[in-house]
Amino acid sequence: MRTYKETTEGGFTVCLPQQPRNIDNGVINRLRGILKCRDRKTVIHVRHASCWLTRHKGNIVDCNGDLVTTLDPDIDMKLVVDEDINLYFALKDERLLDDVGVFLEIID
């Protein structure tokens, strides 16, 4: 488990499902309020993009909105937010992704 900042500075790119399920603005807003007064580390679970594409059969996009495929030369350096999509958006809205308390855990 490494911080989000360490992971992205290490060359990894965090991607999102093209059509994410379970995005709930109410949950995102509630999480934003909780994040303002947190005192523990926050963990976002991610998967390798190649694993996501072969197992889940879902499309993913990178931070530029470009479609990621298994033919991408840097597919090994791409991670996909798995179940924590609302948390990811709440952290992004609050500009807390680069905070030292935000960690990425790779699950496979």
Protein backbone atom coordinates (compact mmCIF):
# COMPACT_ATOMS: atom_id res chain seq x y z
CA MET A 1 0.00 0.00 0.00
CA ARG A 2 1.43 3.37 -1.05
CA THR A 3 0.11 6.89 -0.92
CA TYR A 4 -1.77 8.20 -3.93
CA LYS A 5 0.93 10.80 -4.47
CA GLU A 6 3.77 8.25 -4.36
CA THR A 7 1.90 6.01 -6.77
CA THR A 8 1.23 8.72 -9.35
CA GLU A 9 4.74 10.14 -9.02
CA GLY A 10 6.03 6.60 -9.59
CA GLY A 11 4.50 6.63 -13.06
CA PHE A 12 1.16 4.99 -12.41
CA THR A 13 -2.04 6.46 -13.84
CA VAL A 14 -5.36 6.13 -12.01
CA CYS A 15 -8.23 5.35 -14.37
CA LEU A 16 -11.99 5.03 -13.95
CA PRO A 17 -14.61 2.70 -15.39
CA GLN A 18 -16.14 4.29 -18.49
CA GLN A 19 -19.65 3.76 -17.16
CA PRO A 20 -19.26 3.60 -13.39
CA ARG A 21 -22.11 2.18 -11.38
CA ASN A 22 -23.29 3.33 -8.00
CA ILE A 23 -22.26 6.98 -8.27
CA ASP A 24 -24.42 8.78 -5.74
CA ASN A 25 -24.12 12.54 -5.25
CA GLY A 26 -25.68 12.26 -1.80
CA VAL A 27 -23.00 9.79 -0.72
CA ILE A 28 -20.27 11.93 -2.27
CA ASN A 29 -21.49 15.03 -0.39
CA ARG A 30 -21.69 13.12 2.89
CA LEU A 31 -18.17 11.75 2.38
CA ARG A 32 -16.88 15.24 1.61
CA GLY A 33 -18.13 16.38 5.01
CA ILE A 34 -16.58 13.41 6.78
CA LEU A 35 -13.25 13.91 5.01
CA LYS A 36 -12.92 17.44 6.37
CA CYS A 37 -12.53 16.13 9.89
CA ARG A 38 -10.83 12.76 9.36
CA ASP A 39 -7.81 11.81 11.39
CA ARG A 40 -6.99 8.40 9.93
CA LYS A 41 -5.67 7.18 6.64
CA THR A 42 -8.06 6.78 3.74
CA VAL A 43 -7.70 3.75 1.48
CA ILE A 44 -8.89 3.53 -2.13
CA HIS A 45 -8.96 0.04 -3.64
CA VAL A 46 -7.70 -0.27 -7.21
CA ARG A 47 -7.01 -3.06 -9.69
CA HIS A 48 -4.49 -3.31 -12.48
CA ALA A 49 -6.06 -2.16 -15.75
CA SER A 50 -5.11 -5.36 -17.57
CA CYS A 51 -6.86 -7.42 -14.90
CA TRP A 52 -9.91 -5.18 -15.06
CA LEU A 53 -10.18 -5.46 -18.84
CA THR A 54 -9.81 -9.24 -18.94
CA ARG A 55 -11.98 -10.14 -15.94
CA HIS A 56 -14.67 -7.49 -15.78
CA LYS A 57 -15.05 -6.94 -19.52
CA GLY A 58 -15.79 -3.28 -18.88
CA ASN A 59 -14.26 -0.28 -20.59
CA ILE A 60 -12.06 2.12 -18.68
CA VAL A 61 -10.84 5.64 -19.39
CA ASP A 62 -7.72 7.43 -18.23
CA CYS A 63 -7.54 10.89 -16.68
CA ASN A 64 -7.69 12.47 -20.16
CA GLY A 65 -10.90 10.63 -21.03
CA ASP A 66 -9.13 8.36 -23.52
CA LEU A 67 -10.24 4.75 -23.76
CA VAL A 68 -7.73 2.29 -22.29
CA THR A 69 -7.23 -1.03 -24.08
CA THR A 70 -5.00 -4.05 -23.54
CA LEU A 71 -2.96 -2.81 -26.51
CA ASP A 72 -1.76 0.30 -24.66
CA PRO A 73 2.03 0.17 -24.32
CA ASP A 74 1.85 1.33 -20.68
CA ILE A 75 -1.07 -0.87 -19.61
CA ASP A 76 1.01 -2.19 -16.68
CA MET A 77 1.24 1.35 -15.27
CA LYS A 78 -2.53 1.93 -15.17
CA LEU A 79 -4.78 1.26 -12.19
CA VAL A 80 -8.58 1.33 -12.04
CA VAL A 81 -10.63 2.51 -9.07
CA ASP A 82 -12.73 -0.49 -8.17
CA GLU A 83 -15.48 -0.15 -5.55
CA ASP A 84 -14.53 3.17 -3.98
CA ILE A 85 -15.73 5.40 -6.81
CA ASN A 86 -17.79 7.70 -4.54
CA LEU A 87 -14.86 8.06 -2.15
CA TYR A 88 -12.51 8.84 -5.07
CA PHE A 89 -14.81 11.61 -6.32
CA ALA A 90 -15.22 13.03 -2.79
CA LEU A 91 -11.44 13.16 -2.34
CA LYS A 92 -11.04 14.70 -5.78
CA ASP A 93 -13.69 17.35 -5.06
CA GLU A 94 -11.97 18.29 -1.80
CA ARG A 95 -8.52 18.28 -3.47
CA LEU A 96 -7.29 15.71 -0.96
CA LEU A 97 -5.94 13.06 -3.34
CA ASP A 98 -2.33 14.21 -2.86
CA ASP A 99 -2.72 14.28 0.93
CA VAL A 100 -0.31 12.06 2.87
CA GLY A 101 -3.24 10.20 4.43
CA VAL A 102 -4.68 8.90 1.13
CA PHE A 103 -3.45 5.42 0.17
CA LEU A 104 -4.01 3.12 -2.80
CA GLU A 105 -4.29 -0.61 -2.20
CA ILE A 106 -3.98 -2.85 -5.23
CA ILE A 107 -6.34 -5.84 -5.11
CA ASP A 108 -6.35 -8.67 -7.61
